[in-house]
Amino acid sequence: MTTIQDIELAVQQLPKQELAEFRRWFAQFDEAAWDAQIEADAGVGKLDALAAEALAEYHNGSAREL
């Protein structure tokens, strides 16, 4: 089994071009994991309170544009 330390060492030893490719891959991997977590949380109602709060602020005029 590979350990975190093994992965860190391997990444540190990558040539510049391969490191750039790894960064691009990892960014996409991380974004997909984040999206999946948000989707799962939304699916079980974990974001309902935040949505209700945002809608309440919008309806009472206390929301502001970003």
C-alpha atoms as a PDB file:
ATOM      1  CA  MET A   1       0.000   0.000   0.000  1.00  0.00           C
ATOM      2  CA  THR A   2       1.237   3.466  -0.879  1.00  0.00           C
ATOM      3  CA  THR A   3       1.536   5.966   1.927  1.00  0.00           C
ATOM      4  CA  ILE A   4       1.072   9.707   1.835  1.00  0.00           C
ATOM      5  CA  GLN A   5       4.827  10.080   2.295  1.00  0.00           C
ATOM      6  CA  ASP A   6       5.456   7.876  -0.777  1.00  0.00           C
ATOM      7  CA  ILE A   7       3.095  10.007  -2.844  1.00  0.00           C
ATOM      8  CA  GLU A   8       4.683  13.244  -1.593  1.00  0.00           C
ATOM      9  CA  LEU A   9       8.141  11.960  -2.501  1.00  0.00           C
ATOM     10  CA  ALA A  10       6.995  10.849  -5.951  1.00  0.00           C
ATOM     11  CA  VAL A  11       5.402  14.249  -6.623  1.00  0.00           C
ATOM     12  CA  GLN A  12       8.542  16.059  -5.484  1.00  0.00           C
ATOM     13  CA  GLN A  13      10.582  14.046  -7.981  1.00  0.00           C
ATOM     14  CA  LEU A  14       8.395  14.765 -11.018  1.00  0.00           C
ATOM     15  CA  PRO A  15       9.925  16.768 -13.857  1.00  0.00           C
ATOM     16  CA  LYS A  16       8.337  20.200 -14.418  1.00  0.00           C
ATOM     17  CA  GLN A  17       6.151  19.081 -17.337  1.00  0.00           C
ATOM     18  CA  GLU A  18       4.832  16.027 -15.500  1.00  0.00           C
ATOM     19  CA  LEU A  19       4.235  18.117 -12.372  1.00  0.00           C
ATOM     20  CA  ALA A  20       2.168  20.545 -14.440  1.00  0.00           C
ATOM     21  CA  GLU A  21       0.173  17.628 -15.869  1.00  0.00           C
ATOM     22  CA  PHE A  22      -0.339  16.226 -12.363  1.00  0.00           C
ATOM     23  CA  ARG A  23      -1.529  19.614 -11.098  1.00  0.00           C
ATOM     24  CA  ARG A  24      -4.098  19.834 -13.902  1.00  0.00           C
ATOM     25  CA  TRP A  25      -5.268  16.277 -13.226  1.00  0.00           C
ATOM     26  CA  PHE A  26      -5.477  16.821  -9.476  1.00  0.00           C
ATOM     27  CA  ALA A  27      -7.400  20.085  -9.851  1.00  0.00           C
ATOM     28  CA  GLN A  28      -9.978  18.286 -11.997  1.00  0.00           C
ATOM     29  CA  PHE A  29     -10.089  15.360  -9.553  1.00  0.00           C
ATOM     30  CA  ASP A  30     -10.550  17.697  -6.584  1.00  0.00           C
ATOM     31  CA  GLU A  31     -13.248  19.733  -8.351  1.00  0.00           C
ATOM     32  CA  ALA A  32     -15.179  16.541  -9.194  1.00  0.00           C
ATOM     33  CA  ALA A  33     -14.949  15.358  -5.579  1.00  0.00           C
ATOM     34  CA  TRP A  34     -16.179  18.761  -4.352  1.00  0.00           C
ATOM     35  CA  ASP A  35     -19.078  18.743  -6.817  1.00  0.00           C
ATOM     36  CA  ALA A  36     -20.046  15.214  -5.746  1.00  0.00           C
ATOM     37  CA  GLN A  37     -20.009  16.236  -2.081  1.00  0.00           C
ATOM     38  CA  ILE A  38     -22.155  19.314  -2.710  1.00  0.00           C
ATOM     39  CA  GLU A  39     -24.593  17.217  -4.738  1.00  0.00           C
ATOM     40  CA  ALA A  40     -24.777  14.573  -2.004  1.00  0.00           C
ATOM     41  CA  ASP A  41     -25.282  17.210   0.700  1.00  0.00           C
ATOM     42  CA  ALA A  42     -28.008  18.902  -1.327  1.00  0.00           C
ATOM     43  CA  GLY A  43     -29.685  15.573  -1.958  1.00  0.00           C
ATOM     44  CA  VAL A  44     -30.093  14.864   1.764  1.00  0.00           C
ATOM     45  CA  GLY A  45     -31.145  18.398   2.672  1.00  0.00           C
ATOM     46  CA  LYS A  46     -27.941  19.600   4.327  1.00  0.00           C
ATOM     47  CA  LEU A  47     -28.085  22.853   2.356  1.00  0.00           C
ATOM     48  CA  ASP A  48     -31.789  23.548   2.874  1.00  0.00           C
ATOM     49  CA  ALA A  49     -31.234  25.863   5.866  1.00  0.00           C
ATOM     50  CA  LEU A  50     -28.689  27.934   3.933  1.00  0.00           C
ATOM     51  CA  ALA A  51     -31.016  28.215   0.943  1.00  0.00           C
ATOM     52  CA  ALA A  52     -33.914  29.243   3.178  1.00  0.00           C
ATOM     53  CA  GLU A  53     -31.759  31.884   4.861  1.00  0.00           C
ATOM     54  CA  ALA A  54     -30.630  33.277   1.509  1.00  0.00           C
ATOM     55  CA  LEU A  55     -34.196  33.407   0.191  1.00  0.00           C
ATOM     56  CA  ALA A  56     -35.414  35.110   3.365  1.00  0.00           C
ATOM     57  CA  GLU A  57     -32.700  37.763   3.052  1.00  0.00           C
ATOM     58  CA  TYR A  58     -33.607  38.272  -0.594  1.00  0.00           C
ATOM     59  CA  HIS A  59     -37.317  38.619   0.136  1.00  0.00           C
ATOM     60  CA  ASN A  60     -36.849  41.041   3.049  1.00  0.00           C
ATOM     61  CA  GLY A  61     -34.471  43.195   1.020  1.00  0.00           C
ATOM     62  CA  SER A  62     -31.339  42.594   3.087  1.00  0.00           C
ATOM     63  CA  ALA A  63     -29.509  40.644   0.375  1.00  0.00           C
ATOM     64  CA  ARG A  64     -26.891  42.426  -1.668  1.00  0.00           C
ATOM     65  CA  GLU A  65     -25.485  41.764  -5.093  1.00  0.00           C
ATOM     66  CA  LEU A  66     -22.101  40.125  -5.322  1.00  0.00           C
END
